[in-house]
Amino acid sequence: YEAAFLAGGPHRVAELALVSMHLRRRLLLA
């Protein structure tokens, strides 16, 4: 999360969370 914020700000953190949940089958991103 810290690396994501430093590299791309708050939207990058949100995208990281979305991708993490998708890869771990906690969320489906169509």
mmCIF file of all heavy atoms, coordinates in Angstrom:
data_MODEL
# 
_entry.id   MODEL 
# 
loop_
_atom_site.group_PDB 
_atom_site.id 
_atom_site.type_symbol 
_atom_site.label_atom_id 
_atom_site.label_alt_id 
_atom_site.label_comp_id 
_atom_site.label_asym_id 
_atom_site.label_entity_id 
_atom_site.label_seq_id 
_atom_site.pdbx_PDB_ins_code 
_atom_site.Cartn_x 
_atom_site.Cartn_y 
_atom_site.Cartn_z 
_atom_site.occupancy 
_atom_site.B_iso_or_equiv 
_atom_site.pdbx_formal_charge 
_atom_site.auth_seq_id 
_atom_site.auth_comp_id 
_atom_site.auth_asym_id 
_atom_site.auth_atom_id 
_atom_site.pdbx_PDB_model_num 
ATOM 1   N N   . TYR A 1 1  ? 0.825   -1.204  0.000   1.00 0.00 ? 1  TYR A N   1 
ATOM 2   C CA  . TYR A 1 1  ? 0.000   0.000   0.000   1.00 0.00 ? 1  TYR A CA  1 
ATOM 3   C C   . TYR A 1 1  ? 0.860   1.255   0.000   1.00 0.00 ? 1  TYR A C   1 
ATOM 4   O O   . TYR A 1 1  ? 0.563   2.234   -0.692  1.00 0.00 ? 1  TYR A O   1 
ATOM 5   C CB  . TYR A 1 1  ? -0.933  0.013   1.215   1.00 0.00 ? 1  TYR A CB  1 
ATOM 6   C CG  . TYR A 1 1  ? -2.102  -0.938  1.132   1.00 0.00 ? 1  TYR A CG  1 
ATOM 7   C CD1 . TYR A 1 1  ? -2.585  -1.588  2.270   1.00 0.00 ? 1  TYR A CD1 1 
ATOM 8   C CD2 . TYR A 1 1  ? -2.742  -1.183  -0.079  1.00 0.00 ? 1  TYR A CD2 1 
ATOM 9   C CE1 . TYR A 1 1  ? -3.665  -2.462  2.192   1.00 0.00 ? 1  TYR A CE1 1 
ATOM 10  C CE2 . TYR A 1 1  ? -3.815  -2.060  -0.158  1.00 0.00 ? 1  TYR A CE2 1 
ATOM 11  C CZ  . TYR A 1 1  ? -4.270  -2.698  0.981   1.00 0.00 ? 1  TYR A CZ  1 
ATOM 12  O OH  . TYR A 1 1  ? -5.341  -3.552  0.905   1.00 0.00 ? 1  TYR A OH  1 
ATOM 13  N N   . GLU A 1 2  ? 1.937   1.237   0.774   1.00 0.00 ? 2  GLU A N   1 
ATOM 14  C CA  . GLU A 1 2  ? 2.821   2.407   0.827   1.00 0.00 ? 2  GLU A CA  1 
ATOM 15  C C   . GLU A 1 2  ? 3.514   2.626   -0.515  1.00 0.00 ? 2  GLU A C   1 
ATOM 16  O O   . GLU A 1 2  ? 3.610   3.761   -0.999  1.00 0.00 ? 2  GLU A O   1 
ATOM 17  C CB  . GLU A 1 2  ? 3.855   2.219   1.943   1.00 0.00 ? 2  GLU A CB  1 
ATOM 18  C CG  . GLU A 1 2  ? 3.270   2.293   3.339   1.00 0.00 ? 2  GLU A CG  1 
ATOM 19  C CD  . GLU A 1 2  ? 4.264   1.918   4.418   1.00 0.00 ? 2  GLU A CD  1 
ATOM 20  O OE1 . GLU A 1 2  ? 5.275   1.267   4.100   1.00 0.00 ? 2  GLU A OE1 1 
ATOM 21  O OE2 . GLU A 1 2  ? 4.024   2.268   5.585   1.00 0.00 ? 2  GLU A OE2 1 
ATOM 22  N N   . ALA A 1 3  ? 3.987   1.539   -1.124  1.00 0.00 ? 3  ALA A N   1 
ATOM 23  C CA  . ALA A 1 3  ? 4.619   1.664   -2.438  1.00 0.00 ? 3  ALA A CA  1 
ATOM 24  C C   . ALA A 1 3  ? 3.625   2.181   -3.469  1.00 0.00 ? 3  ALA A C   1 
ATOM 25  O O   . ALA A 1 3  ? 3.964   3.020   -4.318  1.00 0.00 ? 3  ALA A O   1 
ATOM 26  C CB  . ALA A 1 3  ? 5.185   0.317   -2.870  1.00 0.00 ? 3  ALA A CB  1 
ATOM 27  N N   . ALA A 1 4  ? 2.384   1.689   -3.413  1.00 0.00 ? 4  ALA A N   1 
ATOM 28  C CA  . ALA A 1 4  ? 1.364   2.140   -4.355  1.00 0.00 ? 4  ALA A CA  1 
ATOM 29  C C   . ALA A 1 4  ? 1.088   3.629   -4.188  1.00 0.00 ? 4  ALA A C   1 
ATOM 30  O O   . ALA A 1 4  ? 0.959   4.357   -5.179  1.00 0.00 ? 4  ALA A O   1 
ATOM 31  C CB  . ALA A 1 4  ? 0.082   1.333   -4.158  1.00 0.00 ? 4  ALA A CB  1 
ATOM 32  N N   . PHE A 1 5  ? 1.016   4.105   -2.955  1.00 0.00 ? 5  PHE A N   1 
ATOM 33  C CA  . PHE A 1 5  ? 0.738   5.526   -2.751  1.00 0.00 ? 5  PHE A CA  1 
ATOM 34  C C   . PHE A 1 5  ? 1.897   6.379   -3.255  1.00 0.00 ? 5  PHE A C   1 
ATOM 35  O O   . PHE A 1 5  ? 1.687   7.389   -3.931  1.00 0.00 ? 5  PHE A O   1 
ATOM 36  C CB  . PHE A 1 5  ? 0.482   5.825   -1.280  1.00 0.00 ? 5  PHE A CB  1 
ATOM 37  C CG  . PHE A 1 5  ? 0.064   7.255   -1.048  1.00 0.00 ? 5  PHE A CG  1 
ATOM 38  C CD1 . PHE A 1 5  ? -1.279  7.611   -1.099  1.00 0.00 ? 5  PHE A CD1 1 
ATOM 39  C CD2 . PHE A 1 5  ? 1.005   8.238   -0.818  1.00 0.00 ? 5  PHE A CD2 1 
ATOM 40  C CE1 . PHE A 1 5  ? -1.667  8.928   -0.930  1.00 0.00 ? 5  PHE A CE1 1 
ATOM 41  C CE2 . PHE A 1 5  ? 0.630   9.568   -0.642  1.00 0.00 ? 5  PHE A CE2 1 
ATOM 42  C CZ  . PHE A 1 5  ? -0.706  9.901   -0.694  1.00 0.00 ? 5  PHE A CZ  1 
ATOM 43  N N   . LEU A 1 6  ? 3.117   5.989   -2.933  1.00 0.00 ? 6  LEU A N   1 
ATOM 44  C CA  . LEU A 1 6  ? 4.267   6.776   -3.376  1.00 0.00 ? 6  LEU A CA  1 
ATOM 45  C C   . LEU A 1 6  ? 4.370   6.800   -4.894  1.00 0.00 ? 6  LEU A C   1 
ATOM 46  O O   . LEU A 1 6  ? 4.784   7.800   -5.485  1.00 0.00 ? 6  LEU A O   1 
ATOM 47  C CB  . LEU A 1 6  ? 5.554   6.207   -2.775  1.00 0.00 ? 6  LEU A CB  1 
ATOM 48  C CG  . LEU A 1 6  ? 5.717   6.342   -1.254  1.00 0.00 ? 6  LEU A CG  1 
ATOM 49  C CD1 . LEU A 1 6  ? 7.010   5.690   -0.806  1.00 0.00 ? 6  LEU A CD1 1 
ATOM 50  C CD2 . LEU A 1 6  ? 5.684   7.807   -0.832  1.00 0.00 ? 6  LEU A CD2 1 
ATOM 51  N N   . ALA A 1 7  ? 4.002   5.705   -5.551  1.00 0.00 ? 7  ALA A N   1 
ATOM 52  C CA  . ALA A 1 7  ? 4.129   5.627   -7.005  1.00 0.00 ? 7  ALA A CA  1 
ATOM 53  C C   . ALA A 1 7  ? 2.954   6.255   -7.739  1.00 0.00 ? 7  ALA A C   1 
ATOM 54  O O   . ALA A 1 7  ? 3.136   6.810   -8.832  1.00 0.00 ? 7  ALA A O   1 
ATOM 55  C CB  . ALA A 1 7  ? 4.271   4.167   -7.437  1.00 0.00 ? 7  ALA A CB  1 
ATOM 56  N N   . GLY A 1 8  ? 1.754   6.182   -7.160  1.00 0.00 ? 8  GLY A N   1 
ATOM 57  C CA  . GLY A 1 8  ? 0.592   6.647   -7.924  1.00 0.00 ? 8  GLY A CA  1 
ATOM 58  C C   . GLY A 1 8  ? -0.499  7.314   -7.136  1.00 0.00 ? 8  GLY A C   1 
ATOM 59  O O   . GLY A 1 8  ? -1.555  7.619   -7.697  1.00 0.00 ? 8  GLY A O   1 
ATOM 60  N N   . GLY A 1 9  ? -0.298  7.523   -5.832  1.00 0.00 ? 9  GLY A N   1 
ATOM 61  C CA  . GLY A 1 9  ? -1.288  8.250   -5.056  1.00 0.00 ? 9  GLY A CA  1 
ATOM 62  C C   . GLY A 1 9  ? -2.449  7.385   -4.590  1.00 0.00 ? 9  GLY A C   1 
ATOM 63  O O   . GLY A 1 9  ? -2.426  6.155   -4.701  1.00 0.00 ? 9  GLY A O   1 
ATOM 64  N N   . PRO A 1 10 ? -3.501  8.023   -4.071  1.00 0.00 ? 10 PRO A N   1 
ATOM 65  C CA  . PRO A 1 10 ? -4.611  7.274   -3.469  1.00 0.00 ? 10 PRO A CA  1 
ATOM 66  C C   . PRO A 1 10 ? -5.362  6.386   -4.450  1.00 0.00 ? 10 PRO A C   1 
ATOM 67  O O   . PRO A 1 10 ? -5.819  5.307   -4.075  1.00 0.00 ? 10 PRO A O   1 
ATOM 68  C CB  . PRO A 1 10 ? -5.518  8.378   -2.899  1.00 0.00 ? 10 PRO A CB  1 
ATOM 69  C CG  . PRO A 1 10 ? -5.105  9.629   -3.592  1.00 0.00 ? 10 PRO A CG  1 
ATOM 70  C CD  . PRO A 1 10 ? -3.659  9.479   -3.903  1.00 0.00 ? 10 PRO A CD  1 
ATOM 71  N N   . HIS A 1 11 ? -5.481  6.797   -5.713  1.00 0.00 ? 11 HIS A N   1 
ATOM 72  C CA  . HIS A 1 11 ? -6.180  5.947   -6.670  1.00 0.00 ? 11 HIS A CA  1 
ATOM 73  C C   . HIS A 1 11 ? -5.401  4.656   -6.929  1.00 0.00 ? 11 HIS A C   1 
ATOM 74  O O   . HIS A 1 11 ? -6.001  3.600   -7.147  1.00 0.00 ? 11 HIS A O   1 
ATOM 75  C CB  . HIS A 1 11 ? -6.412  6.697   -7.984  1.00 0.00 ? 11 HIS A CB  1 
ATOM 76  C CG  . HIS A 1 11 ? -7.575  7.617   -7.944  1.00 0.00 ? 11 HIS A CG  1 
ATOM 77  N ND1 . HIS A 1 11 ? -7.514  8.871   -7.379  1.00 0.00 ? 11 HIS A ND1 1 
ATOM 78  C CD2 . HIS A 1 11 ? -8.868  7.473   -8.372  1.00 0.00 ? 11 HIS A CD2 1 
ATOM 79  C CE1 . HIS A 1 11 ? -8.695  9.458   -7.477  1.00 0.00 ? 11 HIS A CE1 1 
ATOM 80  N NE2 . HIS A 1 11 ? -9.531  8.632   -8.053  1.00 0.00 ? 11 HIS A NE2 1 
ATOM 81  N N   . ARG A 1 12 ? -4.070  4.733   -6.887  1.00 0.00 ? 12 ARG A N   1 
ATOM 82  C CA  . ARG A 1 12 ? -3.269  3.526   -7.066  1.00 0.00 ? 12 ARG A CA  1 
ATOM 83  C C   . ARG A 1 12 ? -3.477  2.564   -5.897  1.00 0.00 ? 12 ARG A C   1 
ATOM 84  O O   . ARG A 1 12 ? -3.503  1.350   -6.084  1.00 0.00 ? 12 ARG A O   1 
ATOM 85  C CB  . ARG A 1 12 ? -1.793  3.907   -7.199  1.00 0.00 ? 12 ARG A CB  1 
ATOM 86  C CG  . ARG A 1 12 ? -0.838  2.754   -7.451  1.00 0.00 ? 12 ARG A CG  1 
ATOM 87  C CD  . ARG A 1 12 ? -0.949  2.185   -8.857  1.00 0.00 ? 12 ARG A CD  1 
ATOM 88  N NE  . ARG A 1 12 ? -0.640  3.171   -9.866  1.00 0.00 ? 12 ARG A NE  1 
ATOM 89  C CZ  . ARG A 1 12 ? 0.601   3.543   -10.251 1.00 0.00 ? 12 ARG A CZ  1 
ATOM 90  N NH1 . ARG A 1 12 ? 1.658   2.976   -9.685  1.00 0.00 ? 12 ARG A NH1 1 
ATOM 91  N NH2 . ARG A 1 12 ? 0.785   4.427   -11.200 1.00 0.00 ? 12 ARG A NH2 1 
ATOM 92  N N   . VAL A 1 13 ? -3.614  3.099   -4.688  1.00 0.00 ? 13 VAL A N   1 
ATOM 93  C CA  . VAL A 1 13 ? -3.879  2.251   -3.523  1.00 0.00 ? 13 VAL A CA  1 
ATOM 94  C C   . VAL A 1 13 ? -5.217  1.528   -3.699  1.00 0.00 ? 13 VAL A C   1 
ATOM 95  O O   . VAL A 1 13 ? -5.333  0.324   -3.435  1.00 0.00 ? 13 VAL A O   1 
ATOM 96  C CB  . VAL A 1 13 ? -3.877  3.070   -2.222  1.00 0.00 ? 13 VAL A CB  1 
ATOM 97  C CG1 . VAL A 1 13 ? -4.220  2.186   -1.024  1.00 0.00 ? 13 VAL A CG1 1 
ATOM 98  C CG2 . VAL A 1 13 ? -2.526  3.735   -2.006  1.00 0.00 ? 13 VAL A CG2 1 
ATOM 99  N N   . ALA A 1 14 ? -6.240  2.264   -4.138  1.00 0.00 ? 14 ALA A N   1 
ATOM 100 C CA  . ALA A 1 14 ? -7.552  1.646   -4.352  1.00 0.00 ? 14 ALA A CA  1 
ATOM 101 C C   . ALA A 1 14 ? -7.482  0.574   -5.433  1.00 0.00 ? 14 ALA A C   1 
ATOM 102 O O   . ALA A 1 14 ? -8.073  -0.507  -5.295  1.00 0.00 ? 14 ALA A O   1 
ATOM 103 C CB  . ALA A 1 14 ? -8.569  2.722   -4.726  1.00 0.00 ? 14 ALA A CB  1 
ATOM 104 N N   . GLU A 1 15 ? -6.764  0.840   -6.510  1.00 0.00 ? 15 GLU A N   1 
ATOM 105 C CA  . GLU A 1 15 ? -6.610  -0.161  -7.571  1.00 0.00 ? 15 GLU A CA  1 
ATOM 106 C C   . GLU A 1 15 ? -5.874  -1.399  -7.062  1.00 0.00 ? 15 GLU A C   1 
ATOM 107 O O   . GLU A 1 15 ? -6.237  -2.533  -7.413  1.00 0.00 ? 15 GLU A O   1 
ATOM 108 C CB  . GLU A 1 15 ? -5.859  0.450   -8.751  1.00 0.00 ? 15 GLU A CB  1 
ATOM 109 C CG  . GLU A 1 15 ? -6.668  1.465   -9.523  1.00 0.00 ? 15 GLU A CG  1 
ATOM 110 C CD  . GLU A 1 15 ? -5.866  2.161   -10.601 1.00 0.00 ? 15 GLU A CD  1 
ATOM 111 O OE1 . GLU A 1 15 ? -4.612  2.081   -10.574 1.00 0.00 ? 15 GLU A OE1 1 
ATOM 112 O OE2 . GLU A 1 15 ? -6.486  2.792   -11.475 1.00 0.00 ? 15 GLU A OE2 1 
ATOM 113 N N   . LEU A 1 16 ? -4.866  -1.182  -6.246  1.00 0.00 ? 16 LEU A N   1 
ATOM 114 C CA  . LEU A 1 16 ? -4.133  -2.315  -5.681  1.00 0.00 ? 16 LEU A CA  1 
ATOM 115 C C   . LEU A 1 16 ? -5.045  -3.193  -4.839  1.00 0.00 ? 16 LEU A C   1 
ATOM 116 O O   . LEU A 1 16 ? -4.999  -4.426  -4.933  1.00 0.00 ? 16 LEU A O   1 
ATOM 117 C CB  . LEU A 1 16 ? -2.964  -1.803  -4.841  1.00 0.00 ? 16 LEU A CB  1 
ATOM 118 C CG  . LEU A 1 16 ? -2.166  -2.873  -4.093  1.00 0.00 ? 16 LEU A CG  1 
ATOM 119 C CD1 . LEU A 1 16 ? -1.459  -3.810  -5.054  1.00 0.00 ? 16 LEU A CD1 1 
ATOM 120 C CD2 . LEU A 1 16 ? -1.152  -2.222  -3.146  1.00 0.00 ? 16 LEU A CD2 1 
ATOM 121 N N   . ALA A 1 17 ? -5.891  -2.560  -4.012  1.00 0.00 ? 17 ALA A N   1 
ATOM 122 C CA  . ALA A 1 17 ? -6.821  -3.329  -3.188  1.00 0.00 ? 17 ALA A CA  1 
ATOM 123 C C   . ALA A 1 17 ? -7.799  -4.118  -4.063  1.00 0.00 ? 17 ALA A C   1 
ATOM 124 O O   . ALA A 1 17 ? -8.087  -5.291  -3.791  1.00 0.00 ? 17 ALA A O   1 
ATOM 125 C CB  . ALA A 1 17 ? -7.569  -2.402  -2.237  1.00 0.00 ? 17 ALA A CB  1 
ATOM 126 N N   . LEU A 1 18 ? -8.298  -3.501  -5.120  1.00 0.00 ? 18 LEU A N   1 
ATOM 127 C CA  . LEU A 1 18 ? -9.224  -4.182  -6.025  1.00 0.00 ? 18 LEU A CA  1 
ATOM 128 C C   . LEU A 1 18 ? -8.563  -5.391  -6.679  1.00 0.00 ? 18 LEU A C   1 
ATOM 129 O O   . LEU A 1 18 ? -9.138  -6.483  -6.722  1.00 0.00 ? 18 LEU A O   1 
ATOM 130 C CB  . LEU A 1 18 ? -9.714  -3.204  -7.103  1.00 0.00 ? 18 LEU A CB  1 
ATOM 131 C CG  . LEU A 1 18 ? -10.729 -2.148  -6.661  1.00 0.00 ? 18 LEU A CG  1 
ATOM 132 C CD1 . LEU A 1 18 ? -10.860 -1.061  -7.718  1.00 0.00 ? 18 LEU A CD1 1 
ATOM 133 C CD2 . LEU A 1 18 ? -12.093 -2.785  -6.397  1.00 0.00 ? 18 LEU A CD2 1 
ATOM 134 N N   . VAL A 1 19 ? -7.342  -5.197  -7.173  1.00 0.00 ? 19 VAL A N   1 
ATOM 135 C CA  . VAL A 1 19 ? -6.639  -6.303  -7.838  1.00 0.00 ? 19 VAL A CA  1 
ATOM 136 C C   . VAL A 1 19 ? -6.301  -7.396  -6.835  1.00 0.00 ? 19 VAL A C   1 
ATOM 137 O O   . VAL A 1 19 ? -6.436  -8.594  -7.125  1.00 0.00 ? 19 VAL A O   1 
ATOM 138 C CB  . VAL A 1 19 ? -5.368  -5.788  -8.533  1.00 0.00 ? 19 VAL A CB  1 
ATOM 139 C CG1 . VAL A 1 19 ? -4.549  -6.948  -9.087  1.00 0.00 ? 19 VAL A CG1 1 
ATOM 140 C CG2 . VAL A 1 19 ? -5.731  -4.828  -9.651  1.00 0.00 ? 19 VAL A CG2 1 
ATOM 141 N N   . SER A 1 20 ? -5.864  -7.033  -5.644  1.00 0.00 ? 20 SER A N   1 
ATOM 142 C CA  . SER A 1 20 ? -5.533  -8.024  -4.620  1.00 0.00 ? 20 SER A CA  1 
ATOM 143 C C   . SER A 1 20 ? -6.748  -8.879  -4.273  1.00 0.00 ? 20 SER A C   1 
ATOM 144 O O   . SER A 1 20 ? -6.657  -10.111 -4.188  1.00 0.00 ? 20 SER A O   1 
ATOM 145 C CB  . SER A 1 20 ? -5.013  -7.302  -3.370  1.00 0.00 ? 20 SER A CB  1 
ATOM 146 O OG  . SER A 1 20 ? -4.778  -8.213  -2.327  1.00 0.00 ? 20 SER A OG  1 
ATOM 147 N N   . MET A 1 21 ? -7.897  -8.254  -4.093  1.00 0.00 ? 21 MET A N   1 
ATOM 148 C CA  . MET A 1 21 ? -9.107  -9.002  -3.756  1.00 0.00 ? 21 MET A CA  1 
ATOM 149 C C   . MET A 1 21 ? -9.550  -9.864  -4.922  1.00 0.00 ? 21 MET A C   1 
ATOM 150 O O   . MET A 1 21 ? -10.063 -10.981 -4.732  1.00 0.00 ? 21 MET A O   1 
ATOM 151 C CB  . MET A 1 21 ? -10.210 -8.020  -3.343  1.00 0.00 ? 21 MET A CB  1 
ATOM 152 C CG  . MET A 1 21 ? -9.871  -7.219  -2.090  1.00 0.00 ? 21 MET A CG  1 
ATOM 153 S SD  . MET A 1 21 ? -11.077 -5.931  -1.719  1.00 0.00 ? 21 MET A SD  1 
ATOM 154 C CE  . MET A 1 21 ? -12.446 -6.931  -1.117  1.00 0.00 ? 21 MET A CE  1 
ATOM 155 N N   . HIS A 1 22 ? -9.354  -9.380  -6.151  1.00 0.00 ? 22 HIS A N   1 
ATOM 156 C CA  . HIS A 1 22 ? -9.723  -10.158 -7.331  1.00 0.00 ? 22 HIS A CA  1 
ATOM 157 C C   . HIS A 1 22 ? -8.843  -11.402 -7.463  1.00 0.00 ? 22 HIS A C   1 
ATOM 158 O O   . HIS A 1 22 ? -9.348  -12.509 -7.719  1.00 0.00 ? 22 HIS A O   1 
ATOM 159 C CB  . HIS A 1 22 ? -9.584  -9.275  -8.573  1.00 0.00 ? 22 HIS A CB  1 
ATOM 160 C CG  . HIS A 1 22 ? -9.744  -10.015 -9.870  1.00 0.00 ? 22 HIS A CG  1 
ATOM 161 N ND1 . HIS A 1 22 ? -10.968 -10.398 -10.364 1.00 0.00 ? 22 HIS A ND1 1 
ATOM 162 C CD2 . HIS A 1 22 ? -8.821  -10.448 -10.771 1.00 0.00 ? 22 HIS A CD2 1 
ATOM 163 C CE1 . HIS A 1 22 ? -10.814 -11.028 -11.511 1.00 0.00 ? 22 HIS A CE1 1 
ATOM 164 N NE2 . HIS A 1 22 ? -9.516  -11.078 -11.778 1.00 0.00 ? 22 HIS A NE2 1 
ATOM 165 N N   . LEU A 1 23 ? -7.539  -11.253 -7.273  1.00 0.00 ? 23 LEU A N   1 
ATOM 166 C CA  . LEU A 1 23 ? -6.621  -12.386 -7.418  1.00 0.00 ? 23 LEU A CA  1 
ATOM 167 C C   . LEU A 1 23 ? -6.832  -13.431 -6.338  1.00 0.00 ? 23 LEU A C   1 
ATOM 168 O O   . LEU A 1 23 ? -6.561  -14.619 -6.559  1.00 0.00 ? 23 LEU A O   1 
ATOM 169 C CB  . LEU A 1 23 ? -5.172  -11.886 -7.394  1.00 0.00 ? 23 LEU A CB  1 
ATOM 170 C CG  . LEU A 1 23 ? -4.734  -11.013 -8.574  1.00 0.00 ? 23 LEU A CG  1 
ATOM 171 C CD1 . LEU A 1 23 ? -3.303  -10.545 -8.391  1.00 0.00 ? 23 LEU A CD1 1 
ATOM 172 C CD2 . LEU A 1 23 ? -4.887  -11.753 -9.889  1.00 0.00 ? 23 LEU A CD2 1 
ATOM 173 N N   . ARG A 1 24 ? -7.304  -13.008 -5.175  1.00 0.00 ? 24 ARG A N   1 
ATOM 174 C CA  . ARG A 1 24 ? -7.534  -13.936 -4.068  1.00 0.00 ? 24 ARG A CA  1 
ATOM 175 C C   . ARG A 1 24 ? -8.992  -14.391 -3.999  1.00 0.00 ? 24 ARG A C   1 
ATOM 176 O O   . ARG A 1 24 ? -9.440  -14.897 -2.971  1.00 0.00 ? 24 ARG A O   1 
ATOM 177 C CB  . ARG A 1 24 ? -7.095  -13.288 -2.753  1.00 0.00 ? 24 ARG A CB  1 
ATOM 178 C CG  . ARG A 1 24 ? -5.575  -13.108 -2.682  1.00 0.00 ? 24 ARG A CG  1 
ATOM 179 C CD  . ARG A 1 24 ? -5.125  -12.439 -1.403  1.00 0.00 ? 24 ARG A CD  1 
ATOM 180 N NE  . ARG A 1 24 ? -3.682  -12.507 -1.255  1.00 0.00 ? 24 ARG A NE  1 
ATOM 181 C CZ  . ARG A 1 24 ? -2.825  -11.625 -1.775  1.00 0.00 ? 24 ARG A CZ  1 
ATOM 182 N NH1 . ARG A 1 24 ? -3.305  -10.587 -2.458  1.00 0.00 ? 24 ARG A NH1 1 
ATOM 183 N NH2 . ARG A 1 24 ? -1.527  -11.760 -1.626  1.00 0.00 ? 24 ARG A NH2 1 
ATOM 184 N N   . ARG A 1 25 ? -9.737  -14.164 -5.081  1.00 0.00 ? 25 ARG A N   1 
ATOM 185 C CA  . ARG A 1 25 ? -11.116 -14.628 -5.223  1.00 0.00 ? 25 ARG A CA  1 
ATOM 186 C C   . ARG A 1 25 ? -12.043 -14.062 -4.144  1.00 0.00 ? 25 ARG A C   1 
ATOM 187 O O   . ARG A 1 25 ? -13.005 -14.699 -3.753  1.00 0.00 ? 25 ARG A O   1 
ATOM 188 C CB  . ARG A 1 25 ? -11.176 -16.170 -5.190  1.00 0.00 ? 25 ARG A CB  1 
ATOM 189 C CG  . ARG A 1 25 ? -10.333 -16.854 -6.236  1.00 0.00 ? 25 ARG A CG  1 
ATOM 190 C CD  . ARG A 1 25 ? -10.850 -16.567 -7.642  1.00 0.00 ? 25 ARG A CD  1 
ATOM 191 N NE  . ARG A 1 25 ? -10.171 -17.363 -8.639  1.00 0.00 ? 25 ARG A NE  1 
ATOM 192 C CZ  . ARG A 1 25 ? -9.087  -16.985 -9.305  1.00 0.00 ? 25 ARG A CZ  1 
ATOM 193 N NH1 . ARG A 1 25 ? -8.567  -15.785 -9.066  1.00 0.00 ? 25 ARG A NH1 1 
ATOM 194 N NH2 . ARG A 1 25 ? -8.529  -17.754 -10.207 1.00 0.00 ? 25 ARG A NH2 1 
ATOM 195 N N   . ARG A 1 26 ? -11.735 -12.879 -3.673  1.00 0.00 ? 26 ARG A N   1 
ATOM 196 C CA  . ARG A 1 26 ? -12.616 -12.215 -2.713  1.00 0.00 ? 26 ARG A CA  1 
ATOM 197 C C   . ARG A 1 26 ? -13.518 -11.210 -3.418  1.00 0.00 ? 26 ARG A C   1 
ATOM 198 O O   . ARG A 1 26 ? -14.484 -10.706 -2.850  1.00 0.00 ? 26 ARG A O   1 
ATOM 199 C CB  . ARG A 1 26 ? -11.780 -11.506 -1.650  1.00 0.00 ? 26 ARG A CB  1 
ATOM 200 C CG  . ARG A 1 26 ? -10.747 -12.394 -0.989  1.00 0.00 ? 26 ARG A CG  1 
ATOM 201 C CD  . ARG A 1 26 ? -9.785  -11.624 -0.133  1.00 0.00 ? 26 ARG A CD  1 
ATOM 202 N NE  . ARG A 1 26 ? -10.421 -11.212 1.098   1.00 0.00 ? 26 ARG A NE  1 
ATOM 203 C CZ  . ARG A 1 26 ? -10.491 -11.986 2.175   1.00 0.00 ? 26 ARG A CZ  1 
ATOM 204 N NH1 . ARG A 1 26 ? -9.983  -13.203 2.155   1.00 0.00 ? 26 ARG A NH1 1 
ATOM 205 N NH2 . ARG A 1 26 ? -11.068 -11.556 3.262   1.00 0.00 ? 26 ARG A NH2 1 
ATOM 206 N N   . LEU A 1 27 ? -13.167 -10.943 -4.675  1.00 0.00 ? 27 LEU A N   1 
ATOM 207 C CA  . LEU A 1 27 ? -13.884 -9.963  -5.479  1.00 0.00 ? 27 LEU A CA  1 
ATOM 208 C C   . LEU A 1 27 ? -13.741 -10.386 -6.932  1.00 0.00 ? 27 LEU A C   1 
ATOM 209 O O   . LEU A 1 27 ? -12.704 -10.939 -7.330  1.00 0.00 ? 27 LEU A O   1 
ATOM 210 C CB  . LEU A 1 27 ? -13.258 -8.568  -5.279  1.00 0.00 ? 27 LEU A CB  1 
ATOM 211 C CG  . LEU A 1 27 ? -14.075 -7.335  -5.686  1.00 0.00 ? 27 LEU A CG  1 
ATOM 212 C CD1 . LEU A 1 27 ? -15.253 -7.156  -4.745  1.00 0.00 ? 27 LEU A CD1 1 
ATOM 213 C CD2 . LEU A 1 27 ? -13.175 -6.095  -5.614  1.00 0.00 ? 27 LEU A CD2 1 
ATOM 214 N N   . LEU A 1 28 ? -14.775 -10.158 -7.714  1.00 0.00 ? 28 LEU A N   1 
ATOM 215 C CA  . LEU A 1 28 ? -14.716 -10.462 -9.142  1.00 0.00 ? 28 LEU A CA  1 
ATOM 216 C C   . LEU A 1 28 ? -14.748 -9.148  -9.917  1.00 0.00 ? 28 LEU A C   1 
ATOM 217 O O   . LEU A 1 28 ? -15.694 -8.369  -9.798  1.00 0.00 ? 28 LEU A O   1 
ATOM 218 C CB  . LEU A 1 28 ? -15.900 -11.350 -9.549  1.00 0.00 ? 28 LEU A CB  1 
ATOM 219 C CG  . LEU A 1 28 ? -16.036 -11.612 -11.055 1.00 0.00 ? 28 LEU A CG  1 
ATOM 220 C CD1 . LEU A 1 28 ? -14.821 -12.372 -11.575 1.00 0.00 ? 28 LEU A CD1 1 
ATOM 221 C CD2 . LEU A 1 28 ? -17.320 -12.382 -11.351 1.00 0.00 ? 28 LEU A CD2 1 
ATOM 222 N N   . LEU A 1 29 ? -13.691 -8.923  -10.692 1.00 0.00 ? 29 LEU A N   1 
ATOM 223 C CA  . LEU A 1 29 ? -13.620 -7.743  -11.559 1.00 0.00 ? 29 LEU A CA  1 
ATOM 224 C C   . LEU A 1 29 ? -13.875 -8.201  -12.987 1.00 0.00 ? 29 LEU A C   1 
ATOM 225 O O   . LEU A 1 29 ? -13.038 -8.874  -13.597 1.00 0.00 ? 29 LEU A O   1 
ATOM 226 C CB  . LEU A 1 29 ? -12.249 -7.072  -11.448 1.00 0.00 ? 29 LEU A CB  1 
ATOM 227 C CG  . LEU A 1 29 ? -11.827 -6.583  -10.058 1.00 0.00 ? 29 LEU A CG  1 
ATOM 228 C CD1 . LEU A 1 29 ? -10.446 -5.940  -10.124 1.00 0.00 ? 29 LEU A CD1 1 
ATOM 229 C CD2 . LEU A 1 29 ? -12.852 -5.598  -9.503  1.00 0.00 ? 29 LEU A CD2 1 
ATOM 230 N N   . ALA A 1 30 ? -15.022 -7.868  -13.511 1.00 0.00 ? 30 ALA A N   1 
ATOM 231 C CA  . ALA A 1 30 ? -15.378 -8.272  -14.866 1.00 0.00 ? 30 ALA A CA  1 
ATOM 232 C C   . ALA A 1 30 ? -14.825 -7.272  -15.872 1.00 0.00 ? 30 ALA A C   1 
ATOM 233 O O   . ALA A 1 30 ? -14.685 -6.080  -15.583 1.00 0.00 ? 30 ALA A O   1 
ATOM 234 C CB  . ALA A 1 30 ? -16.899 -8.345  -15.004 1.00 0.00 ? 30 ALA A CB  1 
# 
